[in-house]
Amino acid sequence: MKILKTKNIYNCRQVTTMVDILLDSVITKEFIEHLSDLGKLTYMPEFPKPYFKIILSLDKMIVGCQGNSNFRIIINNCKKEDLEELINTNFLNFVEKFNQNQIFATPVN
């Protein structure tokens, strides 16, 4: 799984920061399970697009929907200058490790 783009979104009070992460493929159940290694997973498959939320800590969470090619990281009380390092060290490398951990079977003819 490759990250194509990140986009920072700040609320009007500048206390909550959201980062949208655009991926090169859609989010699968396996990818959600991979992300759940970061925190406590809430998964709602009964929704038309299965929704997930991963609570990382009191001030950080990941939210998204299975089948979409993007998800959002929400961080409360983060200084703008600390955001890039926090995202790079805690999330982006972990997302890109997903492909390295997958085992793909060769089709049998």
PDB file of N, CA and C in Angstrom:
ATOM      1  N   MET A   1       0.856  -1.163   0.000  1.00  0.00           N
ATOM      2  CA  MET A   1       0.000   0.000   0.000  1.00  0.00           C
ATOM      3  C   MET A   1       0.902   1.225   0.000  1.00  0.00           C
ATOM      4  N   LYS A   2       0.694   2.092  -0.956  1.00  0.00           N
ATOM      5  CA  LYS A   2       1.493   3.313  -1.075  1.00  0.00           C
ATOM      6  C   LYS A   2       0.644   4.531  -0.770  1.00  0.00           C
ATOM      7  N   ILE A   3       1.247   5.497  -0.134  1.00  0.00           N
ATOM      8  CA  ILE A   3       0.588   6.766   0.139  1.00  0.00           C
ATOM      9  C   ILE A   3       0.867   7.704  -1.015  1.00  0.00           C
ATOM     10  N   LEU A   4      -0.200   8.184  -1.642  1.00  0.00           N
ATOM     11  CA  LEU A   4      -0.056   9.084  -2.780  1.00  0.00           C
ATOM     12  C   LEU A   4       0.011  10.549  -2.354  1.00  0.00           C
ATOM     13  N   LYS A   5      -0.750  10.898  -1.299  1.00  0.00           N
ATOM     14  CA  LYS A   5      -0.845  12.309  -0.928  1.00  0.00           C
ATOM     15  C   LYS A   5      -1.330  12.431   0.513  1.00  0.00           C
ATOM     16  N   THR A   6      -0.862  13.445   1.198  1.00  0.00           N
ATOM     17  CA  THR A   6      -1.408  13.805   2.510  1.00  0.00           C
ATOM     18  C   THR A   6      -1.881  15.254   2.442  1.00  0.00           C
ATOM     19  N   LYS A   7      -2.944  15.532   3.169  1.00  0.00           N
ATOM     20  CA  LYS A   7      -3.480  16.895   3.181  1.00  0.00           C
ATOM     21  C   LYS A   7      -3.831  17.265   4.617  1.00  0.00           C
ATOM     22  N   ASN A   8      -3.229  18.327   5.133  1.00  0.00           N
ATOM     23  CA  ASN A   8      -3.500  18.796   6.488  1.00  0.00           C
ATOM     24  C   ASN A   8      -4.745  19.676   6.489  1.00  0.00           C
ATOM     25  N   ILE A   9      -5.608  19.452   7.470  1.00  0.00           N
ATOM     26  CA  ILE A   9      -6.831  20.231   7.626  1.00  0.00           C
ATOM     27  C   ILE A   9      -6.860  20.728   9.063  1.00  0.00           C
ATOM     28  N   TYR A  10      -6.979  22.036   9.246  1.00  0.00           N
ATOM     29  CA  TYR A  10      -7.010  22.624  10.581  1.00  0.00           C
ATOM     30  C   TYR A  10      -8.401  23.174  10.846  1.00  0.00           C
ATOM     31  N   ASN A  11      -8.889  23.020  12.077  1.00  0.00           N
ATOM     32  CA  ASN A  11     -10.173  23.628  12.399  1.00  0.00           C
ATOM     33  C   ASN A  11      -9.961  25.102  12.727  1.00  0.00           C
ATOM     34  N   CYS A  12     -11.040  25.812  12.926  1.00  0.00           N
ATOM     35  CA  CYS A  12     -10.942  27.264  13.093  1.00  0.00           C
ATOM     36  C   CYS A  12     -10.224  27.673  14.378  1.00  0.00           C
ATOM     37  N   ARG A  13     -10.231  26.817  15.393  1.00  0.00           N
ATOM     38  CA  ARG A  13      -9.552  27.165  16.641  1.00  0.00           C
ATOM     39  C   ARG A  13      -8.115  26.659  16.661  1.00  0.00           C
ATOM     40  N   GLN A  14      -7.705  25.932  15.649  1.00  0.00           N
ATOM     41  CA  GLN A  14      -6.341  25.409  15.534  1.00  0.00           C
ATOM     42  C   GLN A  14      -5.962  24.462  16.678  1.00  0.00           C
ATOM     43  N   VAL A  15      -6.946  23.786  17.281  1.00  0.00           N
ATOM     44  CA  VAL A  15      -6.626  22.842  18.341  1.00  0.00           C
ATOM     45  C   VAL A  15      -6.770  21.390  17.875  1.00  0.00           C
ATOM     46  N   THR A  16      -7.542  21.175  16.832  1.00  0.00           N
ATOM     47  CA  THR A  16      -7.676  19.842  16.271  1.00  0.00           C
ATOM     48  C   THR A  16      -7.108  19.867  14.867  1.00  0.00           C
ATOM     49  N   THR A  17      -6.251  18.918  14.589  1.00  0.00           N
ATOM     50  CA  THR A  17      -5.655  18.805  13.273  1.00  0.00           C
ATOM     51  C   THR A  17      -6.113  17.494  12.673  1.00  0.00           C
ATOM     52  N   MET A  18      -6.491  17.534  11.417  1.00  0.00           N
ATOM     53  CA  MET A  18      -6.857  16.329  10.703  1.00  0.00           C
ATOM     54  C   MET A  18      -5.942  16.203   9.496  1.00  0.00           C
ATOM     55  N   VAL A  19      -5.533  14.999   9.221  1.00  0.00           N
ATOM     56  CA  VAL A  19      -4.694  14.735   8.065  1.00  0.00           C
ATOM     57  C   VAL A  19      -5.382  13.676   7.229  1.00  0.00           C
ATOM     58  N   ASP A  20      -5.738  14.028   5.998  1.00  0.00           N
ATOM     59  CA  ASP A  20      -6.303  13.056   5.071  1.00  0.00           C
ATOM     60  C   ASP A  20      -5.162  12.346   4.363  1.00  0.00           C
ATOM     61  N   ILE A  21      -5.238  11.025   4.302  1.00  0.00           N
ATOM     62  CA  ILE A  21      -4.227  10.191   3.664  1.00  0.00           C
ATOM     63  C   ILE A  21      -4.864   9.526   2.454  1.00  0.00           C
ATOM     64  N   LEU A  22      -4.337   9.803   1.264  1.00  0.00           N
ATOM     65  CA  LEU A  22      -4.822   9.203   0.021  1.00  0.00           C
ATOM     66  C   LEU A  22      -3.901   8.054  -0.354  1.00  0.00           C
ATOM     67  N   LEU A  23      -4.497   6.880  -0.586  1.00  0.00           N
ATOM     68  CA  LEU A  23      -3.742   5.663  -0.887  1.00  0.00           C
ATOM     69  C   LEU A  23      -3.843   5.299  -2.361  1.00  0.00           C
ATOM     70  N   ASP A  24      -2.975   4.404  -2.807  1.00  0.00           N
ATOM     71  CA  ASP A  24      -2.993   3.972  -4.208  1.00  0.00           C
ATOM     72  C   ASP A  24      -3.983   2.840  -4.462  1.00  0.00           C
ATOM     73  N   SER A  25      -4.647   2.335  -3.424  1.00  0.00           N
ATOM     74  CA  SER A  25      -5.657   1.287  -3.592  1.00  0.00           C
ATOM     75  C   SER A  25      -6.695   1.427  -2.488  1.00  0.00           C
ATOM     76  N   VAL A  26      -7.764   0.659  -2.604  1.00  0.00           N
ATOM     77  CA  VAL A  26      -8.850   0.773  -1.627  1.00  0.00           C
ATOM     78  C   VAL A  26      -8.488   0.060  -0.332  1.00  0.00           C
ATOM     79  N   ILE A  27      -9.127   0.510   0.735  1.00  0.00           N
ATOM     80  CA  ILE A  27      -8.911  -0.061   2.059  1.00  0.00           C
ATOM     81  C   ILE A  27      -9.667  -1.380   2.161  1.00  0.00           C
ATOM     82  N   THR A  28      -8.954  -2.417   2.564  1.00  0.00           N
ATOM     83  CA  THR A  28      -9.545  -3.743   2.732  1.00  0.00           C
ATOM     84  C   THR A  28      -9.669  -4.069   4.222  1.00  0.00           C
ATOM     85  N   LYS A  29     -10.395  -5.126   4.533  1.00  0.00           N
ATOM     86  CA  LYS A  29     -10.518  -5.578   5.928  1.00  0.00           C
ATOM     87  C   LYS A  29      -9.137  -5.938   6.481  1.00  0.00           C
ATOM     88  N   GLU A  30      -8.296  -6.534   5.654  1.00  0.00           N
ATOM     89  CA  GLU A  30      -6.946  -6.894   6.078  1.00  0.00           C
ATOM     90  C   GLU A  30      -6.118  -5.656   6.429  1.00  0.00           C
ATOM     91  N   PHE A  31      -6.279  -4.598   5.650  1.00  0.00           N
ATOM     92  CA  PHE A  31      -5.560  -3.354   5.942  1.00  0.00           C
ATOM     93  C   PHE A  31      -6.056  -2.737   7.247  1.00  0.00           C
ATOM     94  N   ILE A  32      -7.364  -2.777   7.470  1.00  0.00           N
ATOM     95  CA  ILE A  32      -7.926  -2.257   8.721  1.00  0.00           C
ATOM     96  C   ILE A  32      -7.351  -3.043   9.904  1.00  0.00           C
ATOM     97  N   GLU A  33      -7.271  -4.360   9.768  1.00  0.00           N
ATOM     98  CA  GLU A  33      -6.698  -5.186  10.834  1.00  0.00           C
ATOM     99  C   GLU A  33      -5.225  -4.837  11.061  1.00  0.00           C
ATOM    100  N   HIS A  34      -4.513  -4.524   9.983  1.00  0.00           N
ATOM    101  CA  HIS A  34      -3.117  -4.088  10.109  1.00  0.00           C
ATOM    102  C   HIS A  34      -3.045  -2.785  10.909  1.00  0.00           C
ATOM    103  N   LEU A  35      -3.892  -1.814  10.562  1.00  0.00           N
ATOM    104  CA  LEU A  35      -3.899  -0.536  11.285  1.00  0.00           C
ATOM    105  C   LEU A  35      -4.284  -0.722  12.745  1.00  0.00           C
ATOM    106  N   SER A  36      -5.101  -1.725  13.034  1.00  0.00           N
ATOM    107  CA  SER A  36      -5.566  -1.926  14.407  1.00  0.00           C
ATOM    108  C   SER A  36      -4.428  -2.301  15.354  1.00  0.00           C
ATOM    109  N   ASP A  37      -3.274  -2.676  14.804  1.00  0.00           N
ATOM    110  CA  ASP A  37      -2.111  -2.923  15.655  1.00  0.00           C
ATOM    111  C   ASP A  37      -1.654  -1.651  16.361  1.00  0.00           C
ATOM    112  N   LEU A  38      -2.097  -0.501  15.871  1.00  0.00           N
ATOM    113  CA  LEU A  38      -1.710   0.781  16.464  1.00  0.00           C
ATOM    114  C   LEU A  38      -2.557   1.161  17.677  1.00  0.00           C
ATOM    115  N   GLY A  39      -3.754   0.578  17.810  1.00  0.00           N
ATOM    116  CA  GLY A  39      -4.629   0.983  18.907  1.00  0.00           C
ATOM    117  C   GLY A  39      -5.868   0.134  19.012  1.00  0.00           C
ATOM    118  N   LYS A  40      -6.911   0.684  19.616  1.00  0.00           N
ATOM    119  CA  LYS A  40      -8.163  -0.025  19.860  1.00  0.00           C
ATOM    120  C   LYS A  40      -9.110   0.182  18.680  1.00  0.00           C
ATOM    121  N   LEU A  41      -9.495  -0.911  18.041  1.00  0.00           N
ATOM    122  CA  LEU A  41     -10.324  -0.873  16.833  1.00  0.00           C
ATOM    123  C   LEU A  41     -11.805  -0.939  17.169  1.00  0.00           C
ATOM    124  N   THR A  42     -12.585  -0.058  16.529  1.00  0.00           N
ATOM    125  CA  THR A  42     -14.037  -0.177  16.459  1.00  0.00           C
ATOM    126  C   THR A  42     -14.362  -0.364  14.984  1.00  0.00           C
ATOM    127  N   TYR A  43     -15.001  -1.487  14.644  1.00  0.00           N
ATOM    128  CA  TYR A  43     -15.292  -1.814  13.240  1.00  0.00           C
ATOM    129  C   TYR A  43     -16.791  -2.059  13.118  1.00  0.00           C
ATOM    130  N   MET A  44     -17.431  -1.393  12.161  1.00  0.00           N
ATOM    131  CA  MET A  44     -18.874  -1.493  11.988  1.00  0.00           C
ATOM    132  C   MET A  44     -19.200  -1.966  10.572  1.00  0.00           C
ATOM    133  N   PRO A  45     -19.182  -3.291  10.351  1.00  0.00           N
ATOM    134  CA  PRO A  45     -19.422  -3.826   9.009  1.00  0.00           C
ATOM    135  C   PRO A  45     -20.871  -3.705   8.560  1.00  0.00           C
ATOM    136  N   GLU A  46     -21.800  -3.388   9.478  1.00  0.00           N
ATOM    137  CA  GLU A  46     -23.214  -3.285   9.114  1.00  0.00           C
ATOM    138  C   GLU A  46     -23.539  -2.001   8.355  1.00  0.00           C
ATOM    139  N   PHE A  47     -22.648  -1.047   8.324  1.00  0.00           N
ATOM    140  CA  PHE A  47     -22.865   0.189   7.567  1.00  0.00           C
ATOM    141  C   PHE A  47     -22.762  -0.113   6.067  1.00  0.00           C
ATOM    142  N   PRO A  48     -23.422   0.701   5.211  1.00  0.00           N
ATOM    143  CA  PRO A  48     -23.297   0.484   3.752  1.00  0.00           C
ATOM    144  C   PRO A  48     -21.836   0.437   3.287  1.00  0.00           C
ATOM    145  N   LYS A  49     -21.006   1.300   3.852  1.00  0.00           N
ATOM    146  CA  LYS A  49     -19.547   1.214   3.684  1.00  0.00           C
ATOM    147  C   LYS A  49     -19.005   0.969   5.075  1.00  0.00           C
ATOM    148  N   PRO A  50     -18.492  -0.239   5.340  1.00  0.00           N
ATOM    149  CA  PRO A  50     -18.036  -0.545   6.696  1.00  0.00           C
ATOM    150  C   PRO A  50     -17.082   0.515   7.236  1.00  0.00           C
ATOM    151  N   TYR A  51     -17.438   1.035   8.403  1.00  0.00           N
ATOM    152  CA  TYR A  51     -16.718   2.133   9.050  1.00  0.00           C
ATOM    153  C   TYR A  51     -15.752   1.570  10.083  1.00  0.00           C
ATOM    154  N   PHE A  52     -14.591   2.233  10.217  1.00  0.00           N
ATOM    155  CA  PHE A  52     -13.677   1.851  11.281  1.00  0.00           C
ATOM    156  C   PHE A  52     -13.123   3.091  11.972  1.00  0.00           C
ATOM    157  N   LYS A  53     -12.814   2.907  13.245  1.00  0.00           N
ATOM    158  CA  LYS A  53     -12.173   3.948  14.045  1.00  0.00           C
ATOM    159  C   LYS A  53     -11.143   3.237  14.906  1.00  0.00           C
ATOM    160  N   ILE A  54      -9.947   3.785  14.939  1.00  0.00           N
ATOM    161  CA  ILE A  54      -8.884   3.223  15.762  1.00  0.00           C
ATOM    162  C   ILE A  54      -8.426   4.314  16.718  1.00  0.00           C
ATOM    163  N   ILE A  55      -8.639   4.082  18.000  1.00  0.00           N
ATOM    164  CA  ILE A  55      -8.217   5.028  19.028  1.00  0.00           C
ATOM    165  C   ILE A  55      -6.771   4.714  19.366  1.00  0.00           C
ATOM    166  N   LEU A  56      -5.893   5.661  19.107  1.00  0.00           N
ATOM    167  CA  LEU A  56      -4.471   5.479  19.357  1.00  0.00           C
ATOM    168  C   LEU A  56      -4.085   5.930  20.759  1.00  0.00           C
ATOM    169  N   SER A  57      -4.692   7.028  21.201  1.00  0.00           N
ATOM    170  CA  SER A  57      -4.460   7.577  22.534  1.00  0.00           C
ATOM    171  C   SER A  57      -5.605   8.544  22.807  1.00  0.00           C
ATOM    172  N   LEU A  58      -5.555   9.230  23.928  1.00  0.00           N
ATOM    173  CA  LEU A  58      -6.628  10.174  24.253  1.00  0.00           C
ATOM    174  C   LEU A  58      -6.780  11.273  23.218  1.00  0.00           C
ATOM    175  N   ASP A  59      -5.699  11.604  22.526  1.00  0.00           N
ATOM    176  CA  ASP A  59      -5.756  12.730  21.593  1.00  0.00           C
ATOM    177  C   ASP A  59      -5.486  12.363  20.137  1.00  0.00           C
ATOM    178  N   LYS A  60      -5.454  11.071  19.811  1.00  0.00           N
ATOM    179  CA  LYS A  60      -5.187  10.667  18.425  1.00  0.00           C
ATOM    180  C   LYS A  60      -6.087   9.511  18.018  1.00  0.00           C
ATOM    181  N   MET A  61      -6.630   9.584  16.783  1.00  0.00           N
ATOM    182  CA  MET A  61      -7.417   8.476  16.246  1.00  0.00           C
ATOM    183  C   MET A  61      -7.344   8.451  14.721  1.00  0.00           C
ATOM    184  N   ILE A  62      -7.661   7.296  14.172  1.00  0.00           N
ATOM    185  CA  ILE A  62      -7.742   7.091  12.722  1.00  0.00           C
ATOM    186  C   ILE A  62      -9.183   6.705  12.421  1.00  0.00           C
ATOM    187  N   VAL A  63      -9.778   7.298  11.386  1.00  0.00           N
ATOM    188  CA  VAL A  63     -11.140   6.950  10.971  1.00  0.00           C
ATOM    189  C   VAL A  63     -11.173   6.775   9.463  1.00  0.00           C
ATOM    190  N   GLY A  64     -12.091   5.919   8.999  1.00  0.00           N
ATOM    191  CA  GLY A  64     -12.241   5.718   7.566  1.00  0.00           C
ATOM    192  C   GLY A  64     -13.302   4.682   7.267  1.00  0.00           C
ATOM    193  N   CYS A  65     -13.431   4.359   5.983  1.00  0.00           N
ATOM    194  CA  CYS A  65     -14.407   3.367   5.532  1.00  0.00           C
ATOM    195  C   CYS A  65     -13.725   2.353   4.625  1.00  0.00           C
ATOM    196  N   GLN A  66     -14.064   1.093   4.839  1.00  0.00           N
ATOM    197  CA  GLN A  66     -13.573   0.034   3.967  1.00  0.00           C
ATOM    198  C   GLN A  66     -14.111   0.290   2.565  1.00  0.00           C
ATOM    199  N   GLY A  67     -13.279   0.124   1.565  1.00  0.00           N
ATOM    200  CA  GLY A  67     -13.689   0.362   0.180  1.00  0.00           C
ATOM    201  C   GLY A  67     -13.283   1.728  -0.339  1.00  0.00           C
ATOM    202  N   ASN A  68     -12.971   2.669   0.545  1.00  0.00           N
ATOM    203  CA  ASN A  68     -12.467   3.982   0.131  1.00  0.00           C
ATOM    204  C   ASN A  68     -10.959   3.890  -0.074  1.00  0.00           C
ATOM    205  N   SER A  69     -10.399   4.870  -0.743  1.00  0.00           N
ATOM    206  CA  SER A  69      -8.951   4.897  -0.920  1.00  0.00           C
ATOM    207  C   SER A  69      -8.308   5.988  -0.065  1.00  0.00           C
ATOM    208  N   ASN A  70      -9.011   6.403   0.976  1.00  0.00           N
ATOM    209  CA  ASN A  70      -8.449   7.394   1.889  1.00  0.00           C
ATOM    210  C   ASN A  70      -8.958   7.144   3.304  1.00  0.00           C
ATOM    211  N   PHE A  71      -8.207   7.655   4.274  1.00  0.00           N
ATOM    212  CA  PHE A  71      -8.646   7.657   5.664  1.00  0.00           C
ATOM    213  C   PHE A  71      -8.147   8.938   6.304  1.00  0.00           C
ATOM    214  N   ARG A  72      -8.597   9.196   7.523  1.00  0.00           N
ATOM    215  CA  ARG A  72      -8.249  10.447   8.195  1.00  0.00           C
ATOM    216  C   ARG A  72      -7.618  10.153   9.547  1.00  0.00           C
ATOM    217  N   ILE A  73      -6.576  10.904   9.854  1.00  0.00           N
ATOM    218  CA  ILE A  73      -5.949  10.874  11.169  1.00  0.00           C
ATOM    219  C   ILE A  73      -6.369  12.163  11.874  1.00  0.00           C
ATOM    220  N   ILE A  74      -6.899  12.030  13.089  1.00  0.00           N
ATOM    221  CA  ILE A  74      -7.345  13.182  13.863  1.00  0.00           C
ATOM    222  C   ILE A  74      -6.453  13.302  15.093  1.00  0.00           C
ATOM    223  N   ILE A  75      -5.887  14.482  15.276  1.00  0.00           N
ATOM    224  CA  ILE A  75      -4.963  14.722  16.388  1.00  0.00           C
ATOM    225  C   ILE A  75      -5.402  15.991  17.106  1.00  0.00           C
ATOM    226  N   ASN A  76      -5.653  15.874  18.399  1.00  0.00           N
ATOM    227  CA  ASN A  76      -6.023  17.032  19.216  1.00  0.00           C
ATOM    228  C   ASN A  76      -4.782  17.607  19.886  1.00  0.00           C
ATOM    229  N   ASN A  77      -4.781  18.913  20.038  1.00  0.00           N
ATOM    230  CA  ASN A  77      -3.726  19.620  20.785  1.00  0.00           C
ATOM    231  C   ASN A  77      -2.322  19.335  20.253  1.00  0.00           C
ATOM    232  N   CYS A  78      -2.164  19.413  18.958  1.00  0.00           N
ATOM    233  CA  CYS A  78      -0.850  19.199  18.339  1.00  0.00           C
ATOM    234  C   CYS A  78      -0.380  20.508  17.714  1.00  0.00           C
ATOM    235  N   LYS A  79       0.838  20.885  18.022  1.00  0.00           N
ATOM    236  CA  LYS A  79       1.400  22.089  17.425  1.00  0.00           C
ATOM    237  C   LYS A  79       1.685  21.827  15.958  1.00  0.00           C
ATOM    238  N   LYS A  80       1.428  22.822  15.144  1.00  0.00           N
ATOM    239  CA  LYS A  80       1.608  22.693  13.703  1.00  0.00           C
ATOM    240  C   LYS A  80       3.027  22.247  13.348  1.00  0.00           C
ATOM    241  N   GLU A  81       4.013  22.766  14.044  1.00  0.00           N
ATOM    242  CA  GLU A  81       5.402  22.431  13.727  1.00  0.00           C
ATOM    243  C   GLU A  81       5.764  20.988  14.109  1.00  0.00           C
ATOM    244  N   ASP A  82       5.005  20.373  15.019  1.00  0.00           N
ATOM    245  CA  ASP A  82       5.266  18.987  15.423  1.00  0.00           C
ATOM    246  C   ASP A  82       4.516  17.973  14.567  1.00  0.00           C
ATOM    247  N   LEU A  83       3.544  18.454  13.791  1.00  0.00           N
ATOM    248  CA  LEU A  83       2.652  17.553  13.063  1.00  0.00           C
ATOM    249  C   LEU A  83       3.375  16.659  12.064  1.00  0.00           C
ATOM    250  N   GLU A  84       4.214  17.228  11.217  1.00  0.00           N
ATOM    251  CA  GLU A  84       4.866  16.447  10.160  1.00  0.00           C
ATOM    252  C   GLU A  84       5.701  15.310  10.738  1.00  0.00           C
ATOM    253  N   GLU A  85       6.478  15.594  11.765  1.00  0.00           N
ATOM    254  CA  GLU A  85       7.299  14.548  12.366  1.00  0.00           C
ATOM    255  C   GLU A  85       6.424  13.467  13.004  1.00  0.00           C
ATOM    256  N   LEU A  86       5.363  13.876  13.686  1.00  0.00           N
ATOM    257  CA  LEU A  86       4.451  12.930  14.323  1.00  0.00           C
ATOM    258  C   LEU A  86       3.819  11.999  13.298  1.00  0.00           C
ATOM    259  N   ILE A  87       3.337  12.550  12.207  1.00  0.00           N
ATOM    260  CA  ILE A  87       2.693  11.746  11.160  1.00  0.00           C
ATOM    261  C   ILE A  87       3.713  10.811  10.509  1.00  0.00           C
ATOM    262  N   ASN A  88       4.865  11.326  10.141  1.00  0.00           N
ATOM    263  CA  ASN A  88       5.872  10.489   9.471  1.00  0.00           C
ATOM    264  C   ASN A  88       6.361   9.346  10.349  1.00  0.00           C
ATOM    265  N   THR A  89       6.661   9.626  11.599  1.00  0.00           N
ATOM    266  CA  THR A  89       7.241   8.586  12.448  1.00  0.00           C
ATOM    267  C   THR A  89       6.205   7.593  12.948  1.00  0.00           C
ATOM    268  N   ASN A  90       4.966   8.029  13.150  1.00  0.00           N
ATOM    269  CA  ASN A  90       3.978   7.145  13.752  1.00  0.00           C
ATOM    270  C   ASN A  90       3.028   6.472  12.777  1.00  0.00           C
ATOM    271  N   PHE A  91       2.810   7.035  11.602  1.00  0.00           N
ATOM    272  CA  PHE A  91       1.756   6.509  10.746  1.00  0.00           C
ATOM    273  C   PHE A  91       2.217   6.099   9.346  1.00  0.00           C
ATOM    274  N   LEU A  92       2.903   6.981   8.651  1.00  0.00           N
ATOM    275  CA  LEU A  92       3.186   6.734   7.239  1.00  0.00           C
ATOM    276  C   LEU A  92       4.044   5.494   7.026  1.00  0.00           C
ATOM    277  N   ASN A  93       5.074   5.335   7.816  1.00  0.00           N
ATOM    278  CA  ASN A  93       5.909   4.141   7.669  1.00  0.00           C
ATOM    279  C   ASN A  93       5.123   2.883   7.993  1.00  0.00           C
ATOM    280  N   PHE A  94       4.243   2.949   8.979  1.00  0.00           N
ATOM    281  CA  PHE A  94       3.429   1.796   9.353  1.00  0.00           C
ATOM    282  C   PHE A  94       2.479   1.402   8.226  1.00  0.00           C
ATOM    283  N   VAL A  95       1.866   2.387   7.569  1.00  0.00           N
ATOM    284  CA  VAL A  95       0.955   2.117   6.453  1.00  0.00           C
ATOM    285  C   VAL A  95       1.702   1.407   5.333  1.00  0.00           C
ATOM    286  N   GLU A  96       2.880   1.898   5.004  1.00  0.00           N
ATOM    287  CA  GLU A  96       3.613   1.315   3.881  1.00  0.00           C
ATOM    288  C   GLU A  96       4.183  -0.061   4.208  1.00  0.00           C
ATOM    289  N   LYS A  97       4.258  -0.437   5.471  1.00  0.00           N
ATOM    290  CA  LYS A  97       4.699  -1.777   5.843  1.00  0.00           C
ATOM    291  C   LYS A  97       3.652  -2.834   5.524  1.00  0.00           C
ATOM    292  N   PHE A  98       2.416  -2.411   5.259  1.00  0.00           N
ATOM    293  CA  PHE A  98       1.330  -3.361   5.000  1.00  0.00           C
ATOM    294  C   PHE A  98       1.671  -4.305   3.859  1.00  0.00           C
ATOM    295  N   ASN A  99       2.165  -3.788   2.737  1.00  0.00           N
ATOM    296  CA  ASN A  99       2.513  -4.642   1.596  1.00  0.00           C
ATOM    297  C   ASN A  99       3.627  -5.614   1.932  1.00  0.00           C
ATOM    298  N   GLN A 100       4.567  -5.190   2.746  1.00  0.00           N
ATOM    299  CA  GLN A 100       5.692  -6.046   3.092  1.00  0.00           C
ATOM    300  C   GLN A 100       5.248  -7.236   3.929  1.00  0.00           C
ATOM    301  N   ASN A 101       4.151  -7.101   4.659  1.00  0.00           N
ATOM    302  CA  ASN A 101       3.679  -8.174   5.532  1.00  0.00           C
ATOM    303  C   ASN A 101       2.709  -9.128   4.848  1.00  0.00           C
ATOM    304  N   GLN A 102       2.263  -8.807   3.661  1.00  0.00           N
ATOM    305  CA  GLN A 102       1.280  -9.634   2.976  1.00  0.00           C
ATOM    306  C   GLN A 102       1.948 -10.769   2.204  1.00  0.00           C
ATOM    307  N   ILE A 103       1.311 -11.926   2.226  1.00  0.00           N
ATOM    308  CA  ILE A 103       1.790 -13.077   1.455  1.00  0.00           C
ATOM    309  C   ILE A 103       0.760 -13.344   0.376  1.00  0.00           C
ATOM    310  N   PHE A 104       1.193 -13.295  -0.867  1.00  0.00           N
ATOM    311  CA  PHE A 104       0.274 -13.509  -1.982  1.00  0.00           C
ATOM    312  C   PHE A 104       0.529 -14.882  -2.582  1.00  0.00           C
ATOM    313  N   ALA A 105      -0.530 -15.636  -2.739  1.00  0.00           N
ATOM    314  CA  ALA A 105      -0.418 -16.967  -3.325  1.00  0.00           C
ATOM    315  C   ALA A 105      -0.358 -16.858  -4.845  1.00  0.00           C
ATOM    316  N   THR A 106       0.398 -17.743  -5.451  1.00  0.00           N
ATOM    317  CA  THR A 106       0.465 -17.808  -6.904  1.00  0.00           C
ATOM    318  C   THR A 106      -0.735 -18.581  -7.402  1.00  0.00           C
ATOM    319  N   PRO A 107      -1.456 -18.078  -8.411  1.00  0.00           N
ATOM    320  CA  PRO A 107      -2.629 -18.804  -8.924  1.00  0.00           C
ATOM    321  C   PRO A 107      -2.219 -20.177  -9.466  1.00  0.00           C
ATOM    322  N   VAL A 108      -3.071 -21.133  -9.226  1.00  0.00           N
ATOM    323  CA  VAL A 108      -2.830 -22.496  -9.714  1.00  0.00           C
ATOM    324  C   VAL A 108      -3.597 -22.672 -11.016  1.00  0.00           C
ATOM    325  N   ASN A 109      -2.905 -23.168 -12.040  1.00  0.00           N
ATOM    326  CA  ASN A 109      -3.553 -23.399 -13.345  1.00  0.00           C
ATOM    327  C   ASN A 109      -4.065 -24.808 -13.443  1.00  0.00           C
TER     328      ASN A 109
END
